[in-house]
Protein backbone atom coordinates (compact mmCIF):
# COMPACT_ATOMS: atom_id res chain seq x y z
CA MET A 1 29.74 -31.06 75.03
CA ALA A 2 32.77 -29.16 72.43
CA GLN A 3 35.06 -26.62 74.27
CA LEU A 4 32.65 -23.53 75.20
CA ILE A 5 34.23 -20.43 75.82
CA ILE A 6 32.40 -16.96 77.13
CA SER A 7 33.51 -13.66 77.66
CA VAL A 8 31.21 -11.35 79.34
CA GLY A 9 32.13 -7.70 79.29
CA ARG A 10 30.15 -5.51 81.14
CA GLU A 11 28.69 -2.06 82.24
CA PHE A 12 28.70 -1.88 86.41
CA GLY A 13 25.37 -2.24 88.13
CA SER A 14 23.70 -4.01 84.56
CA GLY A 15 23.70 -7.54 86.42
CA GLY A 16 26.43 -8.74 83.73
CA HIS A 17 28.37 -10.64 86.21
CA VAL A 18 25.50 -12.47 87.87
CA ILE A 19 24.79 -13.06 84.36
CA ALA A 20 28.05 -14.60 83.79
CA GLU A 21 27.63 -16.87 86.91
CA ALA A 22 24.25 -17.97 85.81
CA LEU A 23 25.83 -19.00 82.85
CA SER A 24 28.31 -20.83 84.50
CA LYS A 25 25.86 -22.96 85.97
CA LYS A 26 23.81 -23.36 83.17
CA PHE A 27 26.82 -24.55 80.98
CA ASN A 28 28.24 -26.28 84.09
CA ILE A 29 31.41 -24.57 83.03
CA GLU A 30 34.13 -22.55 85.30
CA LEU A 31 33.59 -18.85 86.10
CA TYR A 32 37.00 -16.97 85.73
CA ASP A 33 36.64 -13.53 88.08
CA ASN A 34 38.53 -12.65 90.20
CA SER A 35 39.78 -15.87 90.77
CA LEU A 36 42.20 -14.96 88.03
CA ILE A 37 44.10 -12.90 90.80
CA THR A 38 44.49 -16.06 93.13
CA GLU A 39 45.87 -18.04 90.23
CA LEU A 40 48.07 -15.58 89.29
CA ALA A 41 49.27 -14.89 92.49
CA ASP A 42 49.85 -18.97 92.59
CA LYS A 43 51.90 -18.70 89.66
CA THR A 44 54.50 -16.09 89.92
CA GLY A 45 54.75 -15.69 93.85
CA LEU A 46 53.52 -12.33 94.26
CA SER A 47 51.06 -11.74 97.13
CA THR A 48 46.83 -11.82 96.20
CA GLU A 49 47.40 -8.16 97.30
CA VAL A 50 49.48 -7.02 95.11
CA VAL A 51 47.97 -8.72 92.32
CA GLU A 52 44.52 -6.94 93.05
CA LYS A 53 45.92 -3.64 93.89
CA TYR A 54 47.30 -3.95 90.02
CA ASN A 55 44.60 -5.95 88.71
CA GLU A 56 42.40 -4.26 86.06
CA ARG A 57 44.42 -1.18 85.51
CA PRO A 58 45.61 0.22 82.56
CA LYS A 59 50.12 1.03 82.13
CA HIS A 60 50.67 4.84 83.17
CA LYS A 61 51.55 5.81 79.26
CA LEU A 62 53.76 8.52 80.60
CA ILE A 63 56.33 6.08 82.53
CA SER A 64 55.61 2.89 80.82
CA ARG A 65 58.53 1.62 78.64
CA THR A 66 58.42 -1.64 76.68
CA VAL A 67 62.55 -2.91 76.11
CA ARG A 68 62.47 -5.83 73.79
CA GLY A 69 59.21 -7.55 75.01
CA TYR A 70 59.52 -6.39 78.46
CA SER A 71 57.42 -3.41 79.81
CA ASN A 72 58.49 -2.08 83.17
CA SER A 73 54.54 -1.71 83.93
CA ILE A 74 53.34 -3.98 87.13
CA GLU A 75 49.94 -3.17 85.71
CA GLU A 76 50.85 -4.02 82.01
CA ASN A 77 52.56 -7.25 83.37
CA ILE A 78 50.13 -8.93 85.41
CA ALA A 79 47.58 -8.06 82.68
CA ARG A 80 50.08 -9.76 80.00
CA MET A 81 50.03 -12.51 82.48
CA GLN A 82 45.93 -12.47 82.61
CA PHE A 83 45.72 -12.51 79.30
CA ASP A 84 48.35 -15.47 79.02
CA ILE A 85 46.85 -18.02 81.46
CA LEU A 86 43.40 -17.27 79.28
CA ARG A 87 44.77 -17.95 76.07
CA LYS A 88 46.62 -21.48 77.62
CA LYS A 89 43.26 -22.09 79.07
CA ALA A 90 41.60 -22.07 76.07
CA GLU A 91 44.41 -23.70 73.98
CA ASP A 92 44.05 -26.72 76.27
CA GLY A 93 40.83 -27.31 75.30
CA GLU A 94 38.45 -25.99 78.64
CA SER A 95 35.10 -24.68 78.60
CA PHE A 96 34.73 -21.19 80.90
CA VAL A 97 32.97 -18.31 81.09
CA VAL A 98 35.18 -15.41 81.63
CA VAL A 99 34.33 -11.19 82.82
CA GLY A 100 36.27 -8.48 81.38
CA ARG A 101 39.82 -9.05 80.61
CA CYS A 102 39.78 -7.81 77.44
CA ALA A 103 38.78 -11.58 76.70
CA GLU A 104 37.00 -10.84 73.62
CA THR A 105 40.05 -9.90 71.94
CA VAL A 106 42.50 -11.94 73.42
CA LEU A 107 40.42 -15.03 72.46
CA LYS A 108 39.33 -13.53 69.74
CA ASP A 109 40.92 -16.31 67.25
CA ASN A 110 39.22 -19.61 68.85
CA PRO A 111 36.65 -20.43 67.54
CA ALA A 112 35.20 -21.80 71.01
CA LEU A 113 34.47 -18.44 71.90
CA ILE A 114 31.19 -16.83 72.30
CA SER A 115 31.16 -12.95 73.40
CA LEU A 116 28.74 -10.78 75.20
CA PHE A 117 28.53 -7.47 76.71
CA ILE A 118 25.72 -6.54 79.45
CA LEU A 119 24.77 -3.20 79.52
CA ALA A 120 21.55 -1.56 81.29
CA ASP A 121 19.55 1.94 81.83
CA LYS A 122 21.35 4.19 83.78
CA ASP A 123 17.96 4.44 86.18
CA ALA A 124 18.19 0.87 86.46
CA LYS A 125 21.68 0.34 87.08
CA ALA A 126 21.98 3.32 89.75
CA LYS A 127 18.76 1.33 91.29
CA ARG A 128 20.57 -1.65 91.44
CA ILE A 129 24.17 -0.20 93.08
CA MET A 130 22.03 1.77 95.52
CA GLU A 131 20.51 -1.20 96.60
CA LEU A 132 23.37 -3.63 96.64
CA HIS A 133 25.86 -0.67 98.77
CA ASN A 134 23.17 0.59 100.45
CA LEU A 135 24.65 4.30 98.88
CA SER A 136 22.36 7.39 98.03
CA LYS A 137 21.44 7.96 94.32
CA GLU A 138 24.11 10.25 93.38
CA LYS A 139 26.95 8.51 95.34
CA ALA A 140 25.74 5.59 93.18
CA GLU A 141 25.60 7.20 89.99
CA ALA A 142 29.39 9.08 90.58
CA LEU A 143 30.65 5.05 91.71
CA MET A 144 29.03 3.95 88.50
CA GLU A 145 31.32 6.27 86.44
CA LYS A 146 33.80 5.48 88.39
CA LYS A 147 33.77 1.94 87.68
CA ASP A 148 32.79 2.45 84.34
CA ARG A 149 35.96 4.82 83.77
CA LYS A 150 37.82 2.90 84.91
CA ARG A 151 37.09 -0.54 82.90
CA LYS A 152 37.39 1.82 80.15
CA TYR A 153 40.41 3.42 79.63
CA TYR A 154 41.80 -0.61 81.09
CA HIS A 155 39.90 -2.04 78.20
CA ASN A 156 41.04 0.66 75.55
CA SER A 157 45.08 0.76 76.60
CA TYR A 158 45.38 -3.23 75.65
CA CYS A 159 42.63 -3.35 72.97
CA SER A 160 42.09 -1.92 69.61
CA GLY A 161 38.33 -2.34 69.44
CA LYS A 162 36.87 0.03 71.70
CA TRP A 163 35.46 -1.08 75.02
CA GLY A 164 31.44 -1.51 74.49
CA ASP A 165 31.56 -1.58 71.31
CA SER A 166 28.46 -3.59 69.70
CA ARG A 167 30.70 -4.39 66.82
CA ASN A 168 33.55 -6.17 68.62
CA TYR A 169 30.97 -8.53 70.23
CA ASP A 170 28.65 -11.41 69.51
CA LEU A 171 25.82 -10.24 71.14
CA SER A 172 25.20 -6.90 72.94
CA ILE A 173 21.71 -6.89 75.12
CA ASN A 174 20.09 -4.47 77.59
CA SER A 175 19.39 -6.17 80.77
CA THR A 176 16.83 -3.56 81.37
CA ARG A 177 14.37 -5.13 79.10
CA LEU A 178 14.03 -8.74 80.29
CA GLY A 179 15.21 -7.88 83.42
CA ILE A 180 18.58 -9.97 84.90
CA GLU A 181 17.56 -12.99 85.12
CA LYS A 182 15.30 -13.67 81.73
CA THR A 183 18.46 -12.24 79.76
CA ALA A 184 20.69 -15.00 81.47
CA ASP A 185 17.78 -17.33 79.75
CA PHE A 186 17.53 -15.39 76.42
CA ILE A 187 21.24 -15.51 76.23
CA GLU A 188 21.40 -19.35 77.08
CA ALA A 189 19.46 -19.83 74.26
CA TYR A 190 21.11 -17.87 72.06
CA ILE A 191 24.53 -19.74 72.84
CA ASN A 192 22.15 -22.89 72.20
CA GLU A 193 21.33 -22.17 69.16
CA ARG A 194 24.86 -20.87 67.87
CA ILE A 195 26.53 -24.47 69.28
CA LYS A 196 23.71 -26.22 66.78
CA THR A 197 24.56 -24.06 64.05
CA ALA A 198 28.69 -25.01 64.59
CA GLN A 199 27.49 -28.52 64.44
CA HIS A 200 25.97 -28.68 61.50
CA ASN A 201 28.63 -26.55 59.71
């Protein structure tokens, strides 16, 4: 199979991570999510706890400084190192699914990339979060807003394109319409059509 890279951006509670896992299995390719934390820790000698603490966090703009390409922000350095790991995997011809990590921007010049953004209706997301985390509706909605605010701020700190803006992705889809499993099936069909089109061009 030719190289295939699938990036999955997602709203919290949309089932985006479950869809990413399903696509990894459907196409029999590696899934990179929090596993990048362990890989980065191994490469740098940092503990997984330190990497996890600063993972997917924006730099503090008021105190961060970059001099001759070096930043004093550990958040930015960890983000940049993860971006470099993804670029290296892509350049080496590896096929994979990656969740988050600004991958639709970091890998946008790679012709093997297919970028997705998974969203869902607010009530559907809240219901899913309530069930997964055993929370009240109010707490589920508060967690949802907190997580999405964090993802948006992180993404927009490192990318010119805005998080969740459909113009920055090949396909944006509301998982509430078909349900998570059928949404994954639909995306699989879409990707297969993309692969066929690329082979004929």
